[in-house]
N, C-alpha and C. Protein backbone atom coordinates (compact mmCIF):
# COMPACT_ATOMS: atom_id res chain seq x y z
N MET A 1 357.75 -13.76 -30.81
CA MET A 1 356.91 -13.87 -31.98
C MET A 1 357.42 -15.04 -32.83
N THR A 2 356.48 -15.81 -33.33
CA THR A 2 356.87 -16.95 -34.15
C THR A 2 357.33 -16.48 -35.53
N ASP A 3 358.11 -17.32 -36.17
CA ASP A 3 358.56 -17.01 -37.53
C ASP A 3 357.37 -16.90 -38.49
N ALA A 4 356.38 -17.75 -38.30
CA ALA A 4 355.20 -17.73 -39.18
C ALA A 4 354.45 -16.41 -39.04
N LYS A 5 354.30 -15.93 -37.82
CA LYS A 5 353.60 -14.66 -37.61
C LYS A 5 354.41 -13.52 -38.21
N ALA A 6 355.72 -13.51 -37.97
CA ALA A 6 356.57 -12.45 -38.53
C ALA A 6 356.47 -12.45 -40.05
N GLN A 7 356.46 -13.62 -40.66
CA GLN A 7 356.37 -13.71 -42.11
C GLN A 7 355.02 -13.22 -42.62
N LEU A 8 353.95 -13.50 -41.88
CA LEU A 8 352.64 -13.03 -42.29
C LEU A 8 352.56 -11.50 -42.22
N VAL A 9 353.11 -10.91 -41.16
CA VAL A 9 353.15 -9.44 -41.06
C VAL A 9 353.94 -8.87 -42.23
N ARG A 10 355.12 -9.44 -42.49
CA ARG A 10 355.94 -8.98 -43.62
C ARG A 10 355.18 -9.10 -44.94
N SER A 11 354.43 -10.17 -45.11
CA SER A 11 353.67 -10.37 -46.35
C SER A 11 352.66 -9.26 -46.57
N TRP A 12 351.95 -8.87 -45.51
CA TRP A 12 351.02 -7.75 -45.61
C TRP A 12 351.76 -6.48 -46.00
N LEU A 13 352.91 -6.24 -45.38
CA LEU A 13 353.68 -5.02 -45.66
C LEU A 13 354.23 -5.01 -47.08
N ILE A 14 354.65 -6.15 -47.57
CA ILE A 14 355.14 -6.23 -48.95
C ILE A 14 354.01 -5.92 -49.92
N LYS A 15 352.83 -6.47 -49.67
CA LYS A 15 351.69 -6.18 -50.54
C LYS A 15 351.36 -4.68 -50.50
N ALA A 16 351.43 -4.07 -49.31
CA ALA A 16 351.17 -2.63 -49.20
C ALA A 16 352.21 -1.84 -49.98
N LYS A 17 353.47 -2.23 -49.85
CA LYS A 17 354.55 -1.55 -50.57
C LYS A 17 354.37 -1.68 -52.08
N HIS A 18 353.94 -2.84 -52.52
CA HIS A 18 353.70 -3.06 -53.95
C HIS A 18 352.52 -2.22 -54.45
N ASP A 19 351.50 -2.07 -53.60
CA ASP A 19 350.38 -1.21 -53.99
C ASP A 19 350.83 0.24 -54.14
N LEU A 20 351.70 0.71 -53.24
CA LEU A 20 352.23 2.07 -53.37
C LEU A 20 353.02 2.22 -54.67
N ALA A 21 353.84 1.23 -54.96
CA ALA A 21 354.63 1.28 -56.20
C ALA A 21 353.72 1.25 -57.42
N SER A 22 352.68 0.44 -57.38
CA SER A 22 351.73 0.37 -58.48
C SER A 22 351.04 1.71 -58.68
N ALA A 23 350.66 2.36 -57.60
CA ALA A 23 350.01 3.67 -57.69
C ALA A 23 350.92 4.67 -58.39
N ARG A 24 352.19 4.67 -58.03
CA ARG A 24 353.13 5.62 -58.65
C ARG A 24 353.29 5.34 -60.14
N VAL A 25 353.43 4.07 -60.51
CA VAL A 25 353.60 3.70 -61.92
C VAL A 25 352.37 4.09 -62.73
N LEU A 26 351.20 3.77 -62.21
CA LEU A 26 349.96 4.08 -62.92
C LEU A 26 349.76 5.58 -63.09
N ALA A 27 350.12 6.34 -62.08
CA ALA A 27 349.96 7.80 -62.16
C ALA A 27 350.96 8.43 -63.13
N ALA A 28 352.11 7.78 -63.30
CA ALA A 28 353.15 8.31 -64.18
C ALA A 28 353.00 7.83 -65.63
N SER A 29 352.05 6.91 -65.88
CA SER A 29 351.90 6.39 -67.23
C SER A 29 351.29 7.45 -68.14
N THR A 30 351.36 7.19 -69.44
CA THR A 30 350.78 8.11 -70.42
C THR A 30 349.68 7.39 -71.16
N PRO A 31 348.45 7.77 -70.98
CA PRO A 31 347.97 8.80 -70.05
C PRO A 31 347.98 8.27 -68.62
N PRO A 32 347.94 9.16 -67.64
CA PRO A 32 347.90 8.71 -66.24
C PRO A 32 346.60 7.95 -65.97
N LEU A 33 346.71 6.86 -65.26
CA LEU A 33 345.54 6.05 -64.91
C LEU A 33 345.21 6.30 -63.44
N LEU A 34 344.72 7.51 -63.18
CA LEU A 34 344.53 7.96 -61.80
C LEU A 34 343.41 7.22 -61.08
N ASP A 35 342.41 6.73 -61.81
CA ASP A 35 341.34 5.99 -61.15
C ASP A 35 341.87 4.71 -60.51
N THR A 36 342.73 4.03 -61.21
CA THR A 36 343.31 2.80 -60.68
C THR A 36 344.42 3.12 -59.68
N ALA A 37 345.16 4.17 -59.92
CA ALA A 37 346.25 4.56 -59.01
C ALA A 37 345.72 4.91 -57.63
N VAL A 38 344.62 5.66 -57.58
CA VAL A 38 344.08 6.06 -56.28
C VAL A 38 343.52 4.85 -55.54
N TYR A 39 343.01 3.88 -56.27
CA TYR A 39 342.56 2.62 -55.67
C TYR A 39 343.73 1.93 -54.97
N HIS A 40 344.87 1.90 -55.60
CA HIS A 40 346.04 1.26 -55.00
C HIS A 40 346.53 2.01 -53.76
N CYS A 41 346.29 3.30 -53.69
CA CYS A 41 346.62 4.05 -52.46
C CYS A 41 345.77 3.53 -51.31
N GLN A 42 344.48 3.36 -51.55
CA GLN A 42 343.59 2.82 -50.52
C GLN A 42 344.03 1.42 -50.12
N GLN A 43 344.36 0.61 -51.11
CA GLN A 43 344.77 -0.76 -50.84
C GLN A 43 346.05 -0.82 -50.01
N ALA A 44 346.99 0.06 -50.30
CA ALA A 44 348.24 0.10 -49.53
C ALA A 44 347.97 0.41 -48.07
N ALA A 45 347.12 1.39 -47.83
CA ALA A 45 346.78 1.76 -46.45
C ALA A 45 346.09 0.60 -45.75
N GLU A 46 345.13 0.01 -46.40
CA GLU A 46 344.38 -1.11 -45.83
C GLU A 46 345.32 -2.26 -45.45
N LYS A 47 346.20 -2.63 -46.36
CA LYS A 47 347.08 -3.78 -46.12
C LYS A 47 348.13 -3.48 -45.05
N ALA A 48 348.62 -2.25 -44.99
CA ALA A 48 349.58 -1.89 -43.96
C ALA A 48 348.96 -2.03 -42.57
N VAL A 49 347.75 -1.50 -42.41
CA VAL A 49 347.08 -1.59 -41.11
C VAL A 49 346.73 -3.03 -40.78
N LYS A 50 346.31 -3.81 -41.75
CA LYS A 50 346.02 -5.22 -41.50
C LYS A 50 347.28 -5.95 -41.04
N GLY A 51 348.42 -5.61 -41.62
CA GLY A 51 349.67 -6.20 -41.16
C GLY A 51 349.94 -5.87 -39.71
N TYR A 52 349.67 -4.64 -39.33
CA TYR A 52 349.86 -4.25 -37.94
C TYR A 52 348.90 -5.00 -37.02
N LEU A 53 347.67 -5.18 -37.46
CA LEU A 53 346.70 -5.93 -36.65
C LEU A 53 347.15 -7.37 -36.44
N VAL A 54 347.74 -7.98 -37.46
CA VAL A 54 348.29 -9.33 -37.31
C VAL A 54 349.40 -9.31 -36.25
N PHE A 55 350.26 -8.30 -36.31
CA PHE A 55 351.33 -8.16 -35.32
C PHE A 55 350.76 -8.10 -33.91
N CYS A 56 349.62 -7.44 -33.74
CA CYS A 56 348.99 -7.27 -32.43
C CYS A 56 348.09 -8.44 -32.05
N ASP A 57 348.11 -9.48 -32.85
CA ASP A 57 347.27 -10.66 -32.60
C ASP A 57 345.78 -10.33 -32.60
N GLN A 58 345.40 -9.36 -33.39
CA GLN A 58 343.99 -9.03 -33.55
C GLN A 58 343.44 -9.70 -34.80
N GLU A 59 342.18 -9.98 -34.77
CA GLU A 59 341.52 -10.56 -35.93
C GLU A 59 341.54 -9.54 -37.07
N VAL A 60 341.89 -9.99 -38.24
CA VAL A 60 341.89 -9.13 -39.42
C VAL A 60 340.55 -9.30 -40.11
N GLU A 61 339.72 -8.29 -39.94
CA GLU A 61 338.39 -8.35 -40.53
C GLU A 61 338.46 -8.24 -42.04
N ARG A 62 337.52 -8.85 -42.69
CA ARG A 62 337.42 -8.77 -44.15
C ARG A 62 336.62 -7.53 -44.52
N VAL A 63 337.21 -6.39 -44.21
CA VAL A 63 336.60 -5.11 -44.55
C VAL A 63 337.62 -4.29 -45.32
N HIS A 64 337.11 -3.34 -46.07
CA HIS A 64 337.98 -2.44 -46.82
C HIS A 64 337.97 -1.04 -46.24
N ASP A 65 337.34 -0.88 -45.09
CA ASP A 65 337.20 0.42 -44.45
C ASP A 65 338.46 0.72 -43.63
N VAL A 66 339.30 1.58 -44.16
CA VAL A 66 340.58 1.89 -43.50
C VAL A 66 340.34 2.55 -42.15
N GLU A 67 339.31 3.37 -42.04
CA GLU A 67 339.00 4.00 -40.75
C GLU A 67 338.69 2.94 -39.69
N VAL A 68 337.88 1.96 -40.02
CA VAL A 68 337.53 0.89 -39.08
C VAL A 68 338.79 0.14 -38.66
N LEU A 69 339.65 -0.15 -39.60
CA LEU A 69 340.89 -0.87 -39.30
C LEU A 69 341.80 -0.03 -38.39
N ILE A 70 341.90 1.25 -38.68
CA ILE A 70 342.72 2.14 -37.85
C ILE A 70 342.17 2.18 -36.43
N ARG A 71 340.86 2.28 -36.30
CA ARG A 71 340.26 2.30 -34.95
C ARG A 71 340.54 1.00 -34.21
N SER A 72 340.57 -0.11 -34.91
CA SER A 72 340.94 -1.38 -34.28
C SER A 72 342.39 -1.36 -33.81
N ALA A 73 343.26 -0.78 -34.63
CA ALA A 73 344.68 -0.72 -34.29
C ALA A 73 344.95 0.19 -33.10
N MET A 74 344.05 1.12 -32.83
CA MET A 74 344.23 2.05 -31.71
C MET A 74 344.28 1.32 -30.36
N SER A 75 343.72 0.12 -30.28
CA SER A 75 343.77 -0.62 -29.03
C SER A 75 345.19 -1.10 -28.73
N CYS A 76 346.04 -1.16 -29.75
CA CYS A 76 347.45 -1.54 -29.55
C CYS A 76 348.37 -0.34 -29.48
N ALA A 77 348.04 0.70 -30.22
CA ALA A 77 348.89 1.90 -30.25
C ALA A 77 348.00 3.11 -30.44
N GLN A 78 347.92 3.95 -29.45
CA GLN A 78 347.07 5.13 -29.50
C GLN A 78 347.47 6.10 -30.62
N GLY A 79 348.72 6.03 -31.07
CA GLY A 79 349.17 6.90 -32.15
C GLY A 79 348.35 6.77 -33.42
N PHE A 80 347.66 5.65 -33.58
CA PHE A 80 346.81 5.47 -34.75
C PHE A 80 345.66 6.48 -34.77
N ALA A 81 345.32 7.04 -33.62
CA ALA A 81 344.23 8.03 -33.55
C ALA A 81 344.50 9.20 -34.49
N GLU A 82 345.76 9.54 -34.68
CA GLU A 82 346.12 10.65 -35.56
C GLU A 82 345.89 10.33 -37.04
N TRP A 83 345.61 9.07 -37.36
CA TRP A 83 345.46 8.64 -38.74
C TRP A 83 344.01 8.35 -39.12
N VAL A 84 343.07 8.58 -38.21
CA VAL A 84 341.66 8.31 -38.50
C VAL A 84 341.18 9.11 -39.71
N ASP A 85 341.56 10.38 -39.80
CA ASP A 85 341.14 11.20 -40.94
C ASP A 85 341.67 10.65 -42.26
N VAL A 86 342.87 10.08 -42.23
CA VAL A 86 343.42 9.45 -43.43
C VAL A 86 342.55 8.26 -43.82
N GLY A 87 342.13 7.49 -42.84
CA GLY A 87 341.23 6.37 -43.12
C GLY A 87 339.93 6.82 -43.75
N ILE A 88 339.39 7.90 -43.23
CA ILE A 88 338.14 8.46 -43.77
C ILE A 88 338.36 8.93 -45.21
N GLU A 89 339.49 9.55 -45.46
CA GLU A 89 339.81 10.07 -46.81
C GLU A 89 340.02 8.95 -47.82
N LEU A 90 340.73 7.90 -47.44
CA LEU A 90 341.11 6.86 -48.39
C LEU A 90 340.03 5.81 -48.64
N THR A 91 339.20 5.53 -47.67
CA THR A 91 338.23 4.44 -47.79
C THR A 91 337.35 4.52 -49.04
N PRO A 92 336.82 5.67 -49.42
CA PRO A 92 335.95 5.69 -50.60
C PRO A 92 336.64 5.25 -51.89
N TYR A 93 337.95 5.34 -51.95
CA TYR A 93 338.66 4.98 -53.17
C TYR A 93 338.66 3.49 -53.46
N VAL A 94 338.21 2.69 -52.52
CA VAL A 94 338.11 1.26 -52.78
C VAL A 94 337.02 0.95 -53.80
N ARG A 95 336.07 1.88 -53.96
CA ARG A 95 334.96 1.63 -54.88
C ARG A 95 334.61 2.82 -55.78
N LEU A 96 334.93 4.02 -55.36
CA LEU A 96 334.45 5.23 -56.03
C LEU A 96 334.76 5.26 -57.53
N TYR A 97 335.96 4.91 -57.90
CA TYR A 97 336.36 4.97 -59.31
C TYR A 97 336.54 3.59 -59.93
N ARG A 98 336.20 2.55 -59.20
CA ARG A 98 336.43 1.19 -59.69
C ARG A 98 335.33 0.70 -60.61
N TYR A 99 334.18 1.32 -60.53
CA TYR A 99 333.03 0.86 -61.30
C TYR A 99 332.41 2.03 -62.04
N PRO A 100 331.68 1.77 -63.12
CA PRO A 100 331.01 2.86 -63.82
C PRO A 100 330.05 3.59 -62.89
N GLY A 101 329.99 4.88 -63.07
CA GLY A 101 329.10 5.69 -62.24
C GLY A 101 329.37 7.16 -62.47
N PRO A 102 328.81 7.99 -61.62
CA PRO A 102 328.96 9.44 -61.82
C PRO A 102 330.40 9.93 -61.65
N ALA A 103 331.16 9.29 -60.78
CA ALA A 103 332.55 9.70 -60.59
C ALA A 103 333.41 8.86 -61.53
N THR A 104 334.09 9.50 -62.46
CA THR A 104 334.84 8.74 -63.47
C THR A 104 336.35 8.78 -63.27
N GLU A 105 336.88 9.87 -62.74
CA GLU A 105 338.34 10.02 -62.65
C GLU A 105 338.69 11.02 -61.55
N PRO A 106 339.59 10.64 -60.66
CA PRO A 106 340.05 11.62 -59.66
C PRO A 106 340.95 12.66 -60.32
N THR A 107 341.08 13.79 -59.68
CA THR A 107 342.01 14.81 -60.18
C THR A 107 343.43 14.43 -59.77
N GLN A 108 344.38 15.08 -60.38
CA GLN A 108 345.78 14.88 -60.01
C GLN A 108 345.98 15.24 -58.54
N GLU A 109 345.33 16.32 -58.12
CA GLU A 109 345.45 16.74 -56.72
C GLU A 109 344.89 15.69 -55.76
N GLN A 110 343.76 15.08 -56.11
CA GLN A 110 343.20 14.02 -55.27
C GLN A 110 344.17 12.85 -55.18
N PHE A 111 344.74 12.47 -56.32
CA PHE A 111 345.70 11.37 -56.30
C PHE A 111 346.91 11.73 -55.45
N ASP A 112 347.44 12.92 -55.64
CA ASP A 112 348.63 13.33 -54.87
C ASP A 112 348.37 13.27 -53.37
N ARG A 113 347.19 13.73 -52.96
CA ARG A 113 346.82 13.69 -51.54
C ARG A 113 346.68 12.25 -51.06
N ALA A 114 346.06 11.41 -51.87
CA ALA A 114 345.86 10.01 -51.50
C ALA A 114 347.20 9.29 -51.37
N LEU A 115 348.11 9.55 -52.30
CA LEU A 115 349.42 8.91 -52.24
C LEU A 115 350.18 9.37 -51.01
N LEU A 116 350.18 10.64 -50.75
CA LEU A 116 350.86 11.18 -49.57
C LEU A 116 350.27 10.57 -48.29
N ALA A 117 348.96 10.48 -48.23
CA ALA A 117 348.29 9.91 -47.05
C ALA A 117 348.65 8.43 -46.88
N ALA A 118 348.59 7.67 -47.97
CA ALA A 118 348.90 6.23 -47.89
C ALA A 118 350.36 6.00 -47.53
N GLU A 119 351.26 6.77 -48.13
CA GLU A 119 352.68 6.64 -47.79
C GLU A 119 352.92 6.97 -46.32
N GLY A 120 352.27 8.02 -45.83
CA GLY A 120 352.43 8.41 -44.45
C GLY A 120 351.95 7.34 -43.49
N LEU A 121 350.79 6.77 -43.77
CA LEU A 121 350.25 5.71 -42.91
C LEU A 121 351.14 4.48 -42.96
N TYR A 122 351.61 4.12 -44.14
CA TYR A 122 352.52 2.98 -44.28
C TYR A 122 353.77 3.19 -43.44
N GLU A 123 354.36 4.36 -43.53
CA GLU A 123 355.58 4.66 -42.75
C GLU A 123 355.28 4.66 -41.25
N PHE A 124 354.11 5.15 -40.86
CA PHE A 124 353.74 5.12 -39.45
C PHE A 124 353.63 3.67 -38.97
N VAL A 125 352.98 2.83 -39.76
CA VAL A 125 352.87 1.41 -39.38
C VAL A 125 354.26 0.82 -39.19
N LEU A 126 355.16 1.08 -40.13
CA LEU A 126 356.53 0.56 -40.00
C LEU A 126 357.17 1.04 -38.71
N SER A 127 356.94 2.29 -38.35
CA SER A 127 357.56 2.85 -37.14
C SER A 127 357.04 2.18 -35.87
N GLN A 128 355.91 1.52 -35.95
CA GLN A 128 355.33 0.84 -34.78
C GLN A 128 355.79 -0.60 -34.64
N LEU A 129 356.54 -1.06 -35.60
CA LEU A 129 356.96 -2.47 -35.63
C LEU A 129 358.45 -2.61 -35.32
N PRO A 130 358.84 -3.75 -34.75
CA PRO A 130 360.27 -3.98 -34.53
C PRO A 130 361.02 -4.00 -35.87
N THR A 131 362.27 -3.57 -35.85
CA THR A 131 363.02 -3.48 -37.10
C THR A 131 363.16 -4.82 -37.81
N GLU A 132 363.22 -5.91 -37.07
CA GLU A 132 363.36 -7.21 -37.74
C GLU A 132 362.13 -7.57 -38.57
N ILE A 133 360.99 -6.99 -38.27
CA ILE A 133 359.79 -7.22 -39.06
C ILE A 133 359.83 -6.39 -40.33
N GLN A 134 360.44 -5.24 -40.28
CA GLN A 134 360.44 -4.30 -41.40
C GLN A 134 361.30 -4.76 -42.56
N ARG A 135 362.18 -5.70 -42.36
CA ARG A 135 363.09 -6.13 -43.43
C ARG A 135 362.42 -6.97 -44.45
C-alpha cells in the first residue's frame, strides 16, 4: 500500500473519530444537543466505512447512506453483513433532525443507541485494517 493511500484511510478514520468525540461532547453539554449529536454518530459511521472502502480500492460514493456503504464493503469483508442493521438505523440521522420538520429532537435513548452503534461499527472497521493504518 502506498503512503498516500494509507494517509487517506487514516484521514477518514480521524474524521470518524472526531465525529464520535463531537457526539459525546454535544450530548454532555447543558442542555444536551442531541439533534446534532446523533447526526455526528451517523457521520462517524459513514466516514469509517468510507475509509475502509478506500483501503479496499473501491470507489467512495458521494452518498450518506451507511447501509449502502456497508453493502459495498461486504465485497471485501463479509463480516460487514452483521452491520447492515446499524446502517439502516443510523442513515436517517443524516437529515432527520438537521432541518426543521415534524421530528425536532431525538430521545436520550435514541442517542445512546446511535452512539453505541457508531462506536461499534468504527471499532469493527479498525479491526479489519492492518495495525499500521490504525495509528
